[in-house]
Amino acid sequence: MKRGTIVLTRFPFTDLKSAKRRPAAIISKENPEKEDVIVAFITTSIPATLSNTDLLFDKTRNDFRKSGLKKVSLIKLDKIARLNTRIFTGELGSVSNQTLEEINEKLKMVFDLG
């Protein structure tokens, strides 16, 4: 699957005891030889103060409609997982190259890559 695709999947809780079905953004490079991809958690719970690694995704963005998301959402770049694509239950849409650049900047902060 292509980087920037928004999928619906079971996303695991950090204790790995359960998972919740929700949207996630594919943030890893496309590799047709592998069934696993790295995804970032997407939530509609917007806190009063955003983390510097959160990406607010709202209707003012040019690619909001193309994303397939229905509500203002937060892409949590500090909440990522490696998942097998077979557990995806749907593909909602995708984000633009501009949003992917913003994701890249947030990932640099997450991993302290300067």
C-alpha atoms as a PDB file:
ATOM      1  CA  MET A   1       0.000   0.000   0.000  1.00  0.00           C
ATOM      2  CA  LYS A   2       1.114   3.492  -0.792  1.00  0.00           C
ATOM      3  CA  ARG A   3       2.480   5.948   1.766  1.00  0.00           C
ATOM      4  CA  GLY A   4      -0.151   8.534   2.704  1.00  0.00           C
ATOM      5  CA  THR A   5      -3.090   6.153   2.331  1.00  0.00           C
ATOM      6  CA  ILE A   6      -5.695   6.369   5.088  1.00  0.00           C
ATOM      7  CA  VAL A   7      -6.926   2.917   6.089  1.00  0.00           C
ATOM      8  CA  LEU A   8      -9.372   1.470   8.581  1.00  0.00           C
ATOM      9  CA  THR A   9      -7.772  -1.085  10.870  1.00  0.00           C
ATOM     10  CA  ARG A  10      -7.696  -2.628  14.307  1.00  0.00           C
ATOM     11  CA  PHE A  11      -5.129  -0.482  16.116  1.00  0.00           C
ATOM     12  CA  PRO A  12      -3.568  -2.089  19.208  1.00  0.00           C
ATOM     13  CA  PHE A  13      -3.523  -0.444  22.620  1.00  0.00           C
ATOM     14  CA  THR A  14      -0.013  -0.030  24.027  1.00  0.00           C
ATOM     15  CA  ASP A  15      -0.528  -2.874  26.506  1.00  0.00           C
ATOM     16  CA  LEU A  16      -1.428  -5.163  23.538  1.00  0.00           C
ATOM     17  CA  LYS A  17      -4.395  -6.583  25.486  1.00  0.00           C
ATOM     18  CA  SER A  18      -6.948  -5.178  23.066  1.00  0.00           C
ATOM     19  CA  ALA A  19      -7.389  -3.141  19.902  1.00  0.00           C
ATOM     20  CA  LYS A  20      -9.899  -0.659  18.555  1.00  0.00           C
ATOM     21  CA  ARG A  21     -11.052  -0.212  14.966  1.00  0.00           C
ATOM     22  CA  ARG A  22     -10.024   3.209  13.732  1.00  0.00           C
ATOM     23  CA  PRO A  23      -8.402   5.089  10.856  1.00  0.00           C
ATOM     24  CA  ALA A  24      -4.633   5.148  10.480  1.00  0.00           C
ATOM     25  CA  ALA A  25      -2.237   6.796   8.033  1.00  0.00           C
ATOM     26  CA  ILE A  26       0.367   4.664   6.301  1.00  0.00           C
ATOM     27  CA  ILE A  27       3.708   6.369   6.952  1.00  0.00           C
ATOM     28  CA  SER A  28       6.143   3.761   5.654  1.00  0.00           C
ATOM     29  CA  LYS A  29       7.503   3.513   2.151  1.00  0.00           C
ATOM     30  CA  GLU A  30       5.619   1.252  -0.258  1.00  0.00           C
ATOM     31  CA  ASN A  31       7.177  -2.207  -0.598  1.00  0.00           C
ATOM     32  CA  PRO A  32       5.167  -4.744  -2.627  1.00  0.00           C
ATOM     33  CA  GLU A  33       7.332  -7.574  -1.266  1.00  0.00           C
ATOM     34  CA  LYS A  34       6.124  -7.022   2.317  1.00  0.00           C
ATOM     35  CA  GLU A  35       2.668  -7.307   3.842  1.00  0.00           C
ATOM     36  CA  ASP A  36       3.555  -5.163   6.869  1.00  0.00           C
ATOM     37  CA  VAL A  37       3.413  -1.366   6.912  1.00  0.00           C
ATOM     38  CA  ILE A  38       3.987   1.271   9.561  1.00  0.00           C
ATOM     39  CA  VAL A  39       0.929   3.344  10.416  1.00  0.00           C
ATOM     40  CA  ALA A  40       0.137   6.357  12.574  1.00  0.00           C
ATOM     41  CA  PHE A  41      -2.937   6.449  14.791  1.00  0.00           C
ATOM     42  CA  ILE A  42      -5.752   8.867  13.887  1.00  0.00           C
ATOM     43  CA  THR A  43      -8.269  10.104  16.455  1.00  0.00           C
ATOM     44  CA  THR A  44     -11.147  12.557  16.594  1.00  0.00           C
ATOM     45  CA  SER A  45     -10.414  13.316  20.258  1.00  0.00           C
ATOM     46  CA  ILE A  46      -8.764  16.721  20.038  1.00  0.00           C
ATOM     47  CA  PRO A  47      -7.117  17.898  23.275  1.00  0.00           C
ATOM     48  CA  ALA A  48      -7.050  21.561  24.301  1.00  0.00           C
ATOM     49  CA  THR A  49      -3.267  21.594  23.798  1.00  0.00           C
ATOM     50  CA  LEU A  50      -1.690  19.705  20.924  1.00  0.00           C
ATOM     51  CA  SER A  51       1.656  17.971  21.152  1.00  0.00           C
ATOM     52  CA  ASN A  52       4.332  19.221  18.737  1.00  0.00           C
ATOM     53  CA  THR A  53       4.171  15.768  17.101  1.00  0.00           C
ATOM     54  CA  ASP A  54       0.397  15.948  16.490  1.00  0.00           C
ATOM     55  CA  LEU A  55      -0.897  16.929  13.063  1.00  0.00           C
ATOM     56  CA  LEU A  56      -4.321  18.561  13.121  1.00  0.00           C
ATOM     57  CA  PHE A  57      -6.252  17.452  10.072  1.00  0.00           C
ATOM     58  CA  ASP A  58      -9.337  19.596   9.521  1.00  0.00           C
ATOM     59  CA  LYS A  59     -11.611  20.856   6.769  1.00  0.00           C
ATOM     60  CA  THR A  60      -9.353  23.841   6.004  1.00  0.00           C
ATOM     61  CA  ARG A  61      -6.840  21.438   4.430  1.00  0.00           C
ATOM     62  CA  ASN A  62      -6.995  21.038   0.652  1.00  0.00           C
ATOM     63  CA  ASP A  63      -6.778  17.248   0.972  1.00  0.00           C
ATOM     64  CA  PHE A  64      -9.363  16.786   3.756  1.00  0.00           C
ATOM     65  CA  ARG A  65     -12.076  15.534   1.405  1.00  0.00           C
ATOM     66  CA  LYS A  66      -9.630  13.253  -0.438  1.00  0.00           C
ATOM     67  CA  SER A  67      -8.584  11.692   2.892  1.00  0.00           C
ATOM     68  CA  GLY A  68     -11.974  10.079   3.438  1.00  0.00           C
ATOM     69  CA  LEU A  69     -12.070  11.308   7.031  1.00  0.00           C
ATOM     70  CA  LYS A  70     -15.474  12.619   8.067  1.00  0.00           C
ATOM     71  CA  LYS A  71     -14.526  14.678  11.135  1.00  0.00           C
ATOM     72  CA  VAL A  72     -11.728  16.930  12.278  1.00  0.00           C
ATOM     73  CA  SER A  73      -8.970  14.511  13.250  1.00  0.00           C
ATOM     74  CA  LEU A  74      -5.547  14.329  14.781  1.00  0.00           C
ATOM     75  CA  ILE A  75      -2.784  12.267  13.229  1.00  0.00           C
ATOM     76  CA  LYS A  76      -0.705  11.134  16.203  1.00  0.00           C
ATOM     77  CA  LEU A  77       2.825  10.740  14.841  1.00  0.00           C
ATOM     78  CA  ASP A  78       4.075   9.596  18.233  1.00  0.00           C
ATOM     79  CA  LYS A  79       1.620   6.692  18.244  1.00  0.00           C
ATOM     80  CA  ILE A  80       2.718   4.297  15.525  1.00  0.00           C
ATOM     81  CA  ALA A  81       2.551   0.559  14.908  1.00  0.00           C
ATOM     82  CA  ARG A  82       3.730  -2.006  12.384  1.00  0.00           C
ATOM     83  CA  LEU A  83       0.682  -3.871  11.100  1.00  0.00           C
ATOM     84  CA  ASN A  84      -0.028  -6.525   8.516  1.00  0.00           C
ATOM     85  CA  THR A  85      -2.169  -5.178   5.674  1.00  0.00           C
ATOM     86  CA  ARG A  86      -4.442  -8.248   5.893  1.00  0.00           C
ATOM     87  CA  ILE A  87      -6.049  -6.798   9.034  1.00  0.00           C
ATOM     88  CA  PHE A  88      -7.123  -3.619   7.233  1.00  0.00           C
ATOM     89  CA  THR A  89     -10.873  -3.471   6.776  1.00  0.00           C
ATOM     90  CA  GLY A  90     -10.977  -0.659   4.268  1.00  0.00           C
ATOM     91  CA  GLU A  91      -9.227   2.167   2.498  1.00  0.00           C
ATOM     92  CA  LEU A  92     -10.711   5.614   3.149  1.00  0.00           C
ATOM     93  CA  GLY A  93      -8.561   7.847   0.959  1.00  0.00           C
ATOM     94  CA  SER A  94      -5.173   9.525   0.993  1.00  0.00           C
ATOM     95  CA  VAL A  95      -3.327  12.700   1.927  1.00  0.00           C
ATOM     96  CA  SER A  96      -1.418  15.087  -0.322  1.00  0.00           C
ATOM     97  CA  ASN A  97       2.330  15.366  -0.798  1.00  0.00           C
ATOM     98  CA  GLN A  98       2.227  18.578   1.243  1.00  0.00           C
ATOM     99  CA  THR A  99       0.689  16.693   4.186  1.00  0.00           C
ATOM    100  CA  LEU A 100       3.304  13.946   3.755  1.00  0.00           C
ATOM    101  CA  GLU A 101       5.997  16.625   4.099  1.00  0.00           C
ATOM    102  CA  GLU A 102       4.391  17.792   7.347  1.00  0.00           C
ATOM    103  CA  ILE A 103       4.287  14.162   8.517  1.00  0.00           C
ATOM    104  CA  ASN A 104       8.009  13.876   7.714  1.00  0.00           C
ATOM    105  CA  GLU A 105       8.759  16.924   9.884  1.00  0.00           C
ATOM    106  CA  LYS A 106       6.714  15.556  12.782  1.00  0.00           C
ATOM    107  CA  LEU A 107       8.448  12.153  12.497  1.00  0.00           C
ATOM    108  CA  LYS A 108      11.830  13.904  12.711  1.00  0.00           C
ATOM    109  CA  MET A 109      10.669  15.351  16.052  1.00  0.00           C
ATOM    110  CA  VAL A 110       9.375  11.976  17.272  1.00  0.00           C
ATOM    111  CA  PHE A 111      12.679  10.261  16.555  1.00  0.00           C
ATOM    112  CA  ASP A 112      14.889  13.284  17.328  1.00  0.00           C
ATOM    113  CA  LEU A 113      16.386  13.264  13.846  1.00  0.00           C
ATOM    114  CA  GLY A 114      17.127  16.995  13.843  1.00  0.00           C
END
